[in-house]
C-alpha atoms as a PDB file:
ATOM      1  CA  MET A   1     187.163 236.876 128.386  1.00  0.00           C
ATOM      2  CA  PRO A   2     190.105 239.615 129.332  1.00  0.00           C
ATOM      3  CA  SER A   3     190.063 241.612 131.871  1.00  0.00           C
ATOM      4  CA  ALA A   4     189.538 245.236 131.941  1.00  0.00           C
ATOM      5  CA  ASN A   5     193.128 245.564 133.030  1.00  0.00           C
ATOM      6  CA  LEU A   6     195.819 244.472 130.146  1.00  0.00           C
ATOM      7  CA  VAL A   7     199.097 246.056 132.072  1.00  0.00           C
ATOM      8  CA  LEU A   8     201.950 244.120 130.374  1.00  0.00           C
ATOM      9  CA  VAL A   9     203.070 241.966 132.406  1.00  0.00           C
ATOM     10  CA  ASN A  10     207.657 241.849 132.659  1.00  0.00           C
ATOM     11  CA  ASP A  11     207.773 240.384 136.286  1.00  0.00           C
ATOM     12  CA  SER A  12     209.643 236.628 134.536  1.00  0.00           C
ATOM     13  CA  SER A  13     207.069 233.327 134.271  1.00  0.00           C
ATOM     14  CA  ALA A  14     208.553 231.780 137.726  1.00  0.00           C
ATOM     15  CA  THR A  15     208.401 235.294 139.252  1.00  0.00           C
ATOM     16  CA  LEU A  16     204.712 235.235 138.687  1.00  0.00           C
ATOM     17  CA  ALA A  17     203.891 231.879 139.783  1.00  0.00           C
ATOM     18  CA  ALA A  18     205.431 232.398 143.471  1.00  0.00           C
ATOM     19  CA  SER A  19     203.958 235.520 143.922  1.00  0.00           C
ATOM     20  CA  LEU A  20     200.445 233.409 143.506  1.00  0.00           C
ATOM     21  CA  THR A  21     201.582 231.514 145.563  1.00  0.00           C
ATOM     22  CA  SER A  22     202.381 233.132 147.886  1.00  0.00           C
ATOM     23  CA  ALA A  23     198.979 234.798 147.773  1.00  0.00           C
ATOM     24  CA  HIS A  24     197.811 231.021 149.480  1.00  0.00           C
ATOM     25  CA  TYR A  25     196.781 230.025 146.106  1.00  0.00           C
ATOM     26  CA  ARG A  26     195.900 226.032 146.089  1.00  0.00           C
ATOM     27  CA  GLY A  27     195.045 225.039 142.901  1.00  0.00           C
ATOM     28  CA  GLU A  28     197.159 223.669 139.559  1.00  0.00           C
ATOM     29  CA  LEU A  29     200.110 226.477 137.882  1.00  0.00           C
ATOM     30  CA  VAL A  30     201.855 225.774 134.885  1.00  0.00           C
ATOM     31  CA  VAL A  31     204.548 228.128 133.624  1.00  0.00           C
ATOM     32  CA  ASP A  32     205.059 229.093 129.882  1.00  0.00           C
ATOM     33  CA  ALA A  33     202.066 226.523 129.839  1.00  0.00           C
ATOM     34  CA  GLU A  34     201.128 225.486 125.806  1.00  0.00           C
ATOM     35  CA  LEU A  35     197.750 226.008 125.117  1.00  0.00           C
ATOM     36  CA  ALA A  36     197.322 224.022 121.970  1.00  0.00           C
ATOM     37  CA  GLN A  37     196.494 221.303 124.551  1.00  0.00           C
ATOM     38  CA  PHE A  38     193.651 223.253 125.209  1.00  0.00           C
ATOM     39  CA  THR A  39     191.841 224.603 121.984  1.00  0.00           C
ATOM     40  CA  THR A  40     189.722 222.784 120.144  1.00  0.00           C
ATOM     41  CA  TRP A  41     191.571 224.208 116.622  1.00  0.00           C
ATOM     42  CA  ARG A  42     194.652 222.534 118.373  1.00  0.00           C
ATOM     43  CA  ILE A  43     197.080 225.965 117.666  1.00  0.00           C
ATOM     44  CA  GLY A  44     198.305 227.818 119.943  1.00  0.00           C
ATOM     45  CA  GLY A  45     200.909 230.424 121.822  1.00  0.00           C
ATOM     46  CA  PRO A  46     202.075 229.771 125.428  1.00  0.00           C
ATOM     47  CA  ALA A  47     200.736 231.187 128.437  1.00  0.00           C
ATOM     48  CA  GLN A  48     202.805 232.619 130.836  1.00  0.00           C
ATOM     49  CA  LEU A  49     201.034 231.640 133.488  1.00  0.00           C
ATOM     50  CA  LEU A  50     198.529 229.092 133.384  1.00  0.00           C
ATOM     51  CA  ALA A  51     196.519 228.560 136.490  1.00  0.00           C
ATOM     52  CA  SER A  52     193.555 225.836 137.395  1.00  0.00           C
ATOM     53  CA  PRO A  53     191.581 226.466 140.206  1.00  0.00           C
ATOM     54  CA  THR A  54     190.505 224.182 143.082  1.00  0.00           C
ATOM     55  CA  ASP A  55     187.390 225.746 143.899  1.00  0.00           C
ATOM     56  CA  PRO A  56     185.877 228.498 143.734  1.00  0.00           C
ATOM     57  CA  ALA A  57     187.219 230.379 146.659  1.00  0.00           C
ATOM     58  CA  ASP A  58     189.995 229.852 144.805  1.00  0.00           C
ATOM     59  CA  LEU A  59     189.190 231.182 141.239  1.00  0.00           C
ATOM     60  CA  LEU A  60     188.384 234.607 142.867  1.00  0.00           C
ATOM     61  CA  LEU A  61     191.818 234.160 145.463  1.00  0.00           C
ATOM     62  CA  ALA A  62     193.795 234.423 141.348  1.00  0.00           C
ATOM     63  CA  LEU A  63     191.101 236.839 140.417  1.00  0.00           C
ATOM     64  CA  ARG A  64     191.985 239.503 143.413  1.00  0.00           C
ATOM     65  CA  TRP A  65     195.574 238.879 143.131  1.00  0.00           C
ATOM     66  CA  ALA A  66     195.957 239.611 139.695  1.00  0.00           C
ATOM     67  CA  ARG A  67     194.475 242.901 140.368  1.00  0.00           C
ATOM     68  CA  ASP A  68     196.376 243.402 143.101  1.00  0.00           C
ATOM     69  CA  LYS A  69     199.192 243.223 141.409  1.00  0.00           C
ATOM     70  CA  GLY A  70     197.764 244.728 137.749  1.00  0.00           C
ATOM     71  CA  VAL A  71     198.498 241.628 135.822  1.00  0.00           C
ATOM     72  CA  ALA A  72     196.715 241.024 132.669  1.00  0.00           C
ATOM     73  CA  TRP A  73     194.073 237.796 132.952  1.00  0.00           C
ATOM     74  CA  ARG A  74     191.617 236.091 130.651  1.00  0.00           C
ATOM     75  CA  VAL A  75     189.914 233.306 130.813  1.00  0.00           C
ATOM     76  CA  LEU A  76     189.932 229.815 129.164  1.00  0.00           C
ATOM     77  CA  GLY A  77     187.562 227.661 128.753  1.00  0.00           C
ATOM     78  CA  ASN A  78     187.350 224.808 126.430  1.00  0.00           C
ATOM     79  CA  GLY A  79     188.932 226.489 124.296  1.00  0.00           C
ATOM     80  CA  SER A  80     186.698 226.290 121.172  1.00  0.00           C
ATOM     81  CA  ASN A  81     185.370 229.866 119.279  1.00  0.00           C
ATOM     82  CA  LEU A  82     189.021 230.710 120.342  1.00  0.00           C
ATOM     83  CA  LEU A  83     192.029 231.253 118.273  1.00  0.00           C
ATOM     84  CA  VAL A  84     195.535 231.595 120.438  1.00  0.00           C
ATOM     85  CA  ARG A  85     197.935 233.826 118.639  1.00  0.00           C
ATOM     86  CA  ASP A  86     201.452 232.350 117.837  1.00  0.00           C
ATOM     87  CA  ASP A  87     203.684 234.276 120.244  1.00  0.00           C
ATOM     88  CA  GLY A  88     200.610 233.174 123.379  1.00  0.00           C
ATOM     89  CA  VAL A  89     199.983 235.002 125.657  1.00  0.00           C
ATOM     90  CA  ARG A  90     200.985 237.338 128.680  1.00  0.00           C
ATOM     91  CA  GLY A  91     200.508 236.959 132.508  1.00  0.00           C
ATOM     92  CA  LEU A  92     197.723 234.879 134.097  1.00  0.00           C
ATOM     93  CA  VAL A  93     194.951 232.451 131.627  1.00  0.00           C
ATOM     94  CA  LEU A  94     192.886 230.884 134.041  1.00  0.00           C
ATOM     95  CA  ARG A  95     190.912 227.618 134.060  1.00  0.00           C
ATOM     96  CA  PRO A  96     188.348 226.876 135.973  1.00  0.00           C
ATOM     97  CA  ARG A  97     186.557 223.920 134.616  1.00  0.00           C
ATOM     98  CA  ARG A  98     187.961 221.617 138.232  1.00  0.00           C
ATOM     99  CA  ALA A  99     186.476 224.633 140.086  1.00  0.00           C
ATOM    100  CA  LEU A 100     183.018 224.664 138.712  1.00  0.00           C
ATOM    101  CA  ASP A 101     182.298 221.654 137.345  1.00  0.00           C
ATOM    102  CA  THR A 102     179.106 221.251 139.525  1.00  0.00           C
ATOM    103  CA  LEU A 103     175.536 220.370 138.401  1.00  0.00           C
ATOM    104  CA  GLN A 104     173.121 220.004 140.667  1.00  0.00           C
ATOM    105  CA  VAL A 105     169.156 218.911 138.917  1.00  0.00           C
ATOM    106  CA  ASP A 106     166.324 220.186 141.588  1.00  0.00           C
ATOM    107  CA  GLY A 107     163.029 219.195 140.684  1.00  0.00           C
ATOM    108  CA  SER A 108     162.754 221.206 136.622  1.00  0.00           C
ATOM    109  CA  ASN A 109     165.641 223.339 137.521  1.00  0.00           C
ATOM    110  CA  VAL A 110     169.781 223.109 137.126  1.00  0.00           C
ATOM    111  CA  ARG A 111     171.917 224.453 138.449  1.00  0.00           C
ATOM    112  CA  ALA A 112     175.093 224.425 136.045  1.00  0.00           C
ATOM    113  CA  GLY A 113     178.457 225.776 136.835  1.00  0.00           C
ATOM    114  CA  ALA A 114     180.250 227.610 134.125  1.00  0.00           C
ATOM    115  CA  GLY A 115     182.801 224.869 134.357  1.00  0.00           C
ATOM    116  CA  ALA A 116     181.185 222.232 133.280  1.00  0.00           C
ATOM    117  CA  SER A 117     180.608 220.269 129.635  1.00  0.00           C
ATOM    118  CA  PHE A 118     177.678 221.793 127.735  1.00  0.00           C
ATOM    119  CA  PRO A 119     177.341 218.304 126.431  1.00  0.00           C
ATOM    120  CA  THR A 120     176.819 216.770 129.509  1.00  0.00           C
ATOM    121  CA  LEU A 121     174.694 219.013 130.684  1.00  0.00           C
ATOM    122  CA  ALA A 122     172.399 218.236 127.699  1.00  0.00           C
ATOM    123  CA  ASN A 123     173.022 214.582 128.195  1.00  0.00           C
ATOM    124  CA  LEU A 124     171.722 214.785 132.007  1.00  0.00           C
ATOM    125  CA  ALA A 125     169.222 217.428 131.603  1.00  0.00           C
ATOM    126  CA  ALA A 126     168.252 214.440 128.752  1.00  0.00           C
ATOM    127  CA  SER A 127     169.038 211.832 131.622  1.00  0.00           C
ATOM    128  CA  ARG A 128     166.277 213.563 133.725  1.00  0.00           C
ATOM    129  CA  GLY A 129     163.522 213.804 130.823  1.00  0.00           C
ATOM    130  CA  LEU A 130     164.101 217.880 131.601  1.00  0.00           C
ATOM    131  CA  SER A 131     163.537 219.040 127.701  1.00  0.00           C
ATOM    132  CA  GLY A 132     165.135 222.615 126.177  1.00  0.00           C
ATOM    133  CA  LEU A 133     168.884 221.535 126.104  1.00  0.00           C
ATOM    134  CA  GLU A 134     168.130 218.842 123.526  1.00  0.00           C
ATOM    135  CA  PHE A 135     171.018 221.453 120.900  1.00  0.00           C
ATOM    136  CA  GLY A 136     173.802 221.244 123.563  1.00  0.00           C
ATOM    137  CA  ALA A 137     174.755 217.941 123.083  1.00  0.00           C
ATOM    138  CA  GLY A 138     176.238 218.966 120.090  1.00  0.00           C
ATOM    139  CA  ILE A 139     178.443 222.225 120.989  1.00  0.00           C
ATOM    140  CA  PRO A 140     181.520 221.898 122.143  1.00  0.00           C
ATOM    141  CA  GLY A 141     182.666 224.042 125.172  1.00  0.00           C
ATOM    142  CA  THR A 142     181.251 224.485 128.661  1.00  0.00           C
ATOM    143  CA  VAL A 143     178.534 226.166 130.157  1.00  0.00           C
ATOM    144  CA  GLY A 144     180.227 229.577 131.254  1.00  0.00           C
ATOM    145  CA  GLY A 145     180.973 230.063 126.950  1.00  0.00           C
ATOM    146  CA  ALA A 146     177.297 229.214 126.158  1.00  0.00           C
ATOM    147  CA  VAL A 147     176.147 231.577 128.837  1.00  0.00           C
ATOM    148  CA  VAL A 148     178.493 234.799 127.378  1.00  0.00           C
ATOM    149  CA  MET A 149     177.966 234.231 123.437  1.00  0.00           C
ATOM    150  CA  ASN A 150     174.783 232.837 124.264  1.00  0.00           C
ATOM    151  CA  ALA A 151     174.643 229.120 122.705  1.00  0.00           C
ATOM    152  CA  GLY A 152     172.628 228.428 120.195  1.00  0.00           C
ATOM    153  CA  TRP A 153     171.833 226.561 116.713  1.00  0.00           C
ATOM    154  CA  HIS A 154     168.866 226.964 113.816  1.00  0.00           C
ATOM    155  CA  GLU A 155     166.133 228.785 116.228  1.00  0.00           C
ATOM    156  CA  HIS A 156     167.128 227.250 119.175  1.00  0.00           C
ATOM    157  CA  GLU A 157     169.618 229.472 121.853  1.00  0.00           C
ATOM    158  CA  LEU A 158     170.298 228.783 125.535  1.00  0.00           C
ATOM    159  CA  SER A 159     168.614 232.334 126.838  1.00  0.00           C
ATOM    160  CA  ARG A 160     165.178 230.987 126.146  1.00  0.00           C
ATOM    161  CA  VAL A 161     165.704 228.851 129.366  1.00  0.00           C
ATOM    162  CA  VAL A 162     168.350 231.094 131.704  1.00  0.00           C
ATOM    163  CA  GLU A 163     166.792 232.411 135.012  1.00  0.00           C
ATOM    164  CA  ARG A 164     169.576 233.556 136.352  1.00  0.00           C
ATOM    165  CA  VAL A 165     173.782 234.504 135.864  1.00  0.00           C
ATOM    166  CA  THR A 166     176.326 234.380 138.824  1.00  0.00           C
ATOM    167  CA  PHE A 167     178.779 236.647 138.199  1.00  0.00           C
ATOM    168  CA  ALA A 168     181.901 238.216 139.733  1.00  0.00           C
ATOM    169  CA  ASP A 169     183.309 240.940 138.742  1.00  0.00           C
ATOM    170  CA  ARG A 170     186.755 242.078 138.388  1.00  0.00           C
ATOM    171  CA  ASP A 171     187.143 242.780 142.426  1.00  0.00           C
ATOM    172  CA  GLY A 172     186.095 239.696 143.065  1.00  0.00           C
ATOM    173  CA  GLU A 173     182.684 240.478 144.433  1.00  0.00           C
ATOM    174  CA  THR A 174     179.540 237.992 142.649  1.00  0.00           C
ATOM    175  CA  SER A 175     176.462 239.139 142.153  1.00  0.00           C
ATOM    176  CA  GLU A 176     173.058 237.384 140.579  1.00  0.00           C
ATOM    177  CA  VAL A 177     172.346 238.531 137.463  1.00  0.00           C
ATOM    178  CA  PRO A 178     168.401 237.922 136.178  1.00  0.00           C
ATOM    179  CA  ALA A 179     168.059 236.899 132.682  1.00  0.00           C
ATOM    180  CA  SER A 180     166.494 240.182 132.203  1.00  0.00           C
ATOM    181  CA  ALA A 181     169.906 242.054 132.783  1.00  0.00           C
ATOM    182  CA  CYS A 182     171.727 239.895 130.726  1.00  0.00           C
ATOM    183  CA  ALA A 183     170.968 241.504 127.398  1.00  0.00           C
ATOM    184  CA  PHE A 184     171.184 238.206 125.061  1.00  0.00           C
ATOM    185  CA  GLY A 185     171.277 238.230 121.775  1.00  0.00           C
ATOM    186  CA  TYR A 186     172.301 236.370 118.840  1.00  0.00           C
ATOM    187  CA  ARG A 187     175.804 235.291 119.724  1.00  0.00           C
ATOM    188  CA  THR A 188     175.936 237.993 122.264  1.00  0.00           C
ATOM    189  CA  SER A 189     175.152 239.107 126.052  1.00  0.00           C
ATOM    190  CA  ALA A 190     176.019 240.980 128.500  1.00  0.00           C
ATOM    191  CA  PHE A 191     179.196 239.475 129.885  1.00  0.00           C
ATOM    192  CA  ARG A 192     181.088 239.402 126.562  1.00  0.00           C
ATOM    193  CA  GLY A 193     183.160 242.147 126.951  1.00  0.00           C
ATOM    194  CA  ARG A 194     182.653 242.468 131.051  1.00  0.00           C
ATOM    195  CA  PRO A 195     185.830 242.683 132.974  1.00  0.00           C
ATOM    196  CA  GLY A 196     184.734 238.786 135.037  1.00  0.00           C
ATOM    197  CA  ILE A 197     184.157 235.403 135.557  1.00  0.00           C
ATOM    198  CA  VAL A 198     180.686 234.075 134.299  1.00  0.00           C
ATOM    199  CA  LEU A 199     181.012 231.523 137.312  1.00  0.00           C
ATOM    200  CA  GLY A 200     177.475 228.973 136.842  1.00  0.00           C
ATOM    201  CA  CYS A 201     173.617 229.638 135.425  1.00  0.00           C
ATOM    202  CA  LEU A 202     169.813 228.619 137.139  1.00  0.00           C
ATOM    203  CA  LEU A 203     168.016 226.648 133.682  1.00  0.00           C
ATOM    204  CA  ALA A 204     163.972 226.677 134.347  1.00  0.00           C
ATOM    205  CA  LEU A 205     163.765 223.096 132.049  1.00  0.00           C
ATOM    206  CA  THR A 206     160.380 221.727 131.068  1.00  0.00           C
ATOM    207  CA  PRO A 207     159.225 217.712 131.717  1.00  0.00           C
ATOM    208  CA  ASP A 208     159.204 215.218 129.519  1.00  0.00           C
ATOM    209  CA  GLU A 209     159.366 212.098 128.350  1.00  0.00           C
ATOM    210  CA  PRO A 210     163.001 211.384 129.097  1.00  0.00           C
ATOM    211  CA  ALA A 211     162.984 208.738 125.774  1.00  0.00           C
ATOM    212  CA  SER A 212     161.646 211.641 123.532  1.00  0.00           C
ATOM    213  CA  VAL A 213     163.866 214.281 124.898  1.00  0.00           C
ATOM    214  CA  ARG A 214     166.868 211.439 124.184  1.00  0.00           C
ATOM    215  CA  ALA A 215     164.890 211.365 120.528  1.00  0.00           C
ATOM    216  CA  ARG A 216     165.979 214.983 119.655  1.00  0.00           C
ATOM    217  CA  LEU A 217     169.132 215.298 121.294  1.00  0.00           C
ATOM    218  CA  ASP A 218     170.130 212.131 118.879  1.00  0.00           C
ATOM    219  CA  GLU A 219     168.896 213.577 116.138  1.00  0.00           C
ATOM    220  CA  TYR A 220     170.568 217.592 116.935  1.00  0.00           C
ATOM    221  CA  ALA A 221     173.133 215.703 117.296  1.00  0.00           C
ATOM    222  CA  THR A 222     173.863 213.926 113.974  1.00  0.00           C
ATOM    223  CA  GLN A 223     172.107 217.112 112.484  1.00  0.00           C
ATOM    224  CA  ARG A 224     175.050 217.434 112.903  1.00  0.00           C
ATOM    225  CA  ARG A 225     177.413 215.012 112.511  1.00  0.00           C
ATOM    226  CA  ARG A 226     176.689 215.085 108.328  1.00  0.00           C
ATOM    227  CA  GLY A 227     177.057 218.907 108.076  1.00  0.00           C
ATOM    228  CA  GLN A 228     179.469 220.164 109.894  1.00  0.00           C
ATOM    229  CA  PRO A 229     184.069 218.699 110.039  1.00  0.00           C
ATOM    230  CA  THR A 230     183.406 216.983 113.185  1.00  0.00           C
ATOM    231  CA  GLU A 231     186.287 215.035 112.153  1.00  0.00           C
ATOM    232  CA  LEU A 232     188.987 217.224 112.064  1.00  0.00           C
ATOM    233  CA  ALA A 233     189.930 220.435 114.471  1.00  0.00           C
ATOM    234  CA  SER A 234     188.670 223.762 114.448  1.00  0.00           C
ATOM    235  CA  CYS A 235     186.719 226.788 116.312  1.00  0.00           C
ATOM    236  CA  GLY A 236     183.589 225.750 115.337  1.00  0.00           C
ATOM    237  CA  SER A 237     182.002 228.820 112.891  1.00  0.00           C
ATOM    238  CA  VAL A 238     183.995 231.259 112.139  1.00  0.00           C
ATOM    239  CA  PHE A 239     181.659 233.915 111.171  1.00  0.00           C
ATOM    240  CA  VAL A 240     178.440 234.802 113.102  1.00  0.00           C
ATOM    241  CA  LYS A 241     175.137 234.576 110.839  1.00  0.00           C
ATOM    242  CA  PRO A 242     174.836 237.336 108.610  1.00  0.00           C
ATOM    243  CA  PRO A 243     171.245 239.514 108.792  1.00  0.00           C
ATOM    244  CA  GLY A 244     169.060 236.738 106.607  1.00  0.00           C
ATOM    245  CA  ASP A 245     171.989 234.854 105.051  1.00  0.00           C
ATOM    246  CA  PHE A 246     174.807 232.415 106.441  1.00  0.00           C
ATOM    247  CA  ALA A 247     178.046 232.877 106.054  1.00  0.00           C
ATOM    248  CA  GLY A 248     178.722 229.387 105.067  1.00  0.00           C
ATOM    249  CA  ARG A 249     176.646 230.324 102.573  1.00  0.00           C
ATOM    250  CA  LEU A 250     177.804 233.453 101.198  1.00  0.00           C
ATOM    251  CA  ILE A 251     181.709 231.748 102.041  1.00  0.00           C
ATOM    252  CA  GLU A 252     180.389 229.222  99.478  1.00  0.00           C
ATOM    253  CA  GLN A 253     179.200 231.323  96.685  1.00  0.00           C
ATOM    254  CA  ALA A 254     182.478 233.670  96.037  1.00  0.00           C
ATOM    255  CA  GLY A 255     184.133 230.477  95.676  1.00  0.00           C
ATOM    256  CA  LEU A 256     186.523 229.666  98.279  1.00  0.00           C
ATOM    257  CA  LYS A 257     185.167 226.455  99.355  1.00  0.00           C
ATOM    258  CA  GLY A 258     189.029 224.398 100.066  1.00  0.00           C
ATOM    259  CA  GLU A 259     190.824 227.125 100.184  1.00  0.00           C
ATOM    260  CA  ARG A 260     193.785 227.174 101.811  1.00  0.00           C
ATOM    261  CA  ARG A 261     196.872 229.198 103.888  1.00  0.00           C
ATOM    262  CA  GLY A 262     199.306 226.388 105.592  1.00  0.00           C
ATOM    263  CA  GLY A 263     197.914 223.893 107.915  1.00  0.00           C
ATOM    264  CA  ILE A 264     194.687 225.527 108.020  1.00  0.00           C
ATOM    265  CA  GLN A 265     192.263 225.081 105.108  1.00  0.00           C
ATOM    266  CA  VAL A 266     187.793 226.041 104.594  1.00  0.00           C
ATOM    267  CA  SER A 267     186.070 223.556 104.941  1.00  0.00           C
ATOM    268  CA  ALA A 268     184.768 221.364 101.933  1.00  0.00           C
ATOM    269  CA  LYS A 269     182.045 220.074 103.550  1.00  0.00           C
ATOM    270  CA  HIS A 270     180.795 223.233 105.815  1.00  0.00           C
ATOM    271  CA  ALA A 271     182.334 226.848 105.037  1.00  0.00           C
ATOM    272  CA  ASN A 272     181.810 228.656 107.442  1.00  0.00           C
ATOM    273  CA  PHE A 273     183.789 226.003 109.918  1.00  0.00           C
ATOM    274  CA  PHE A 274     188.248 226.097 108.715  1.00  0.00           C
ATOM    275  CA  VAL A 275     190.060 223.264 109.653  1.00  0.00           C
ATOM    276  CA  ASN A 276     193.225 222.082 111.278  1.00  0.00           C
ATOM    277  CA  LEU A 277     194.662 219.657 108.333  1.00  0.00           C
ATOM    278  CA  GLY A 278     197.619 218.987 110.685  1.00  0.00           C
ATOM    279  CA  GLY A 279     200.290 221.312 111.791  1.00  0.00           C
ATOM    280  CA  GLY A 280     197.928 224.662 111.169  1.00  0.00           C
ATOM    281  CA  THR A 281     199.307 227.687 113.224  1.00  0.00           C
ATOM    282  CA  ALA A 282     197.329 230.286 114.782  1.00  0.00           C
ATOM    283  CA  SER A 283     199.245 232.167 111.259  1.00  0.00           C
ATOM    284  CA  ASP A 284     197.682 230.071 108.726  1.00  0.00           C
ATOM    285  CA  ALA A 285     194.002 230.329 110.269  1.00  0.00           C
ATOM    286  CA  LEU A 286     194.802 234.485 110.642  1.00  0.00           C
ATOM    287  CA  ALA A 287     195.901 234.947 106.965  1.00  0.00           C
ATOM    288  CA  LEU A 288     192.703 232.565 105.227  1.00  0.00           C
ATOM    289  CA  ILE A 289     189.865 234.601 108.407  1.00  0.00           C
ATOM    290  CA  GLU A 290     191.588 237.778 106.404  1.00  0.00           C
ATOM    291  CA  TYR A 291     191.125 236.818 102.681  1.00  0.00           C
ATOM    292  CA  VAL A 292     188.406 235.504 102.969  1.00  0.00           C
ATOM    293  CA  GLU A 293     186.419 238.397 104.625  1.00  0.00           C
ATOM    294  CA  SER A 294     188.119 240.382 101.922  1.00  0.00           C
ATOM    295  CA  GLU A 295     186.480 237.893  99.065  1.00  0.00           C
ATOM    296  CA  VAL A 296     183.197 237.576 100.254  1.00  0.00           C
ATOM    297  CA  GLU A 297     183.165 242.174 101.047  1.00  0.00           C
ATOM    298  CA  ALA A 298     185.019 242.770  96.826  1.00  0.00           C
ATOM    299  CA  ARG A 299     182.829 239.923  95.349  1.00  0.00           C
ATOM    300  CA  LEU A 300     178.895 239.824  97.710  1.00  0.00           C
ATOM    301  CA  GLY A 301     179.847 243.256  99.287  1.00  0.00           C
ATOM    302  CA  VAL A 302     178.867 241.696 102.348  1.00  0.00           C
ATOM    303  CA  ARG A 303     181.325 242.170 105.631  1.00  0.00           C
ATOM    304  CA  LEU A 304     181.647 239.397 107.690  1.00  0.00           C
ATOM    305  CA  VAL A 305     181.557 239.587 112.090  1.00  0.00           C
ATOM    306  CA  ARG A 306     184.076 236.854 113.741  1.00  0.00           C
ATOM    307  CA  GLU A 307     182.546 234.580 115.713  1.00  0.00           C
ATOM    308  CA  VAL A 308     186.216 233.772 116.807  1.00  0.00           C
ATOM    309  CA  GLU A 309     187.535 235.201 119.451  1.00  0.00           C
ATOM    310  CA  VAL A 310     191.111 235.777 118.904  1.00  0.00           C
ATOM    311  CA  TRP A 311     194.068 236.016 122.037  1.00  0.00           C
END
């Protein structure tokens, strides 16, 4: 999520990198890093400064540095549900996957770091005979992104198994937020748009036979592959589900399956997935999103709401 202090950064990329390093940051730094390689849509321009912290302390140090320097910052997870504009992102992009990738099982509880892969978490739970995350095997994101978006599939949502969330505010101060204070809703939570970073969460799962959990996980993953264009690069669902309906059904009803702008096309397999056929740009994607929005509203009277976040 973006910081609230979106100050335009005028310093050069090298100057910013030198400043962060001098503040005793220990992780990897890449100046003018192309972000397309880090998004599931495989599109997007450069980040002025891309930081991959070594551990949580390193992450919080970078966060405080950005606050003190008035530098705009954002958090990059697995790059799903994300569209990075072609001209890229000024300031600091934090990629904390390595710093927050721990998974710890204690009985039927799992402590999951925000940088861990959500499918990896789901598979770990299945191997331990813990039910409640089978739906996550096909969701291409991190645990942190899953918490922020309250990731789900059909009737399943992560919020059903969250006990509490560890959160760091923009000053680098951490707190434990109980599930009751997380304001989970459909593809949203109290952390969406809130200045700060989800560091991890505690999940309460249900013991079951490992073979049964694995069978459900495999079946959900198979259903996803059948119904979604997983063979092509996409951001996942472009729009959230309208009340009592489905965005894909509305887009298809409006006759927009196969509609294309440049290298981005409305999937013929699932109309709420816009796939990159090769060489697609953020401008192509935005043009197609805006066209679909206007046509669905004009033809069917429904204003679609974007699930994809645009940087």
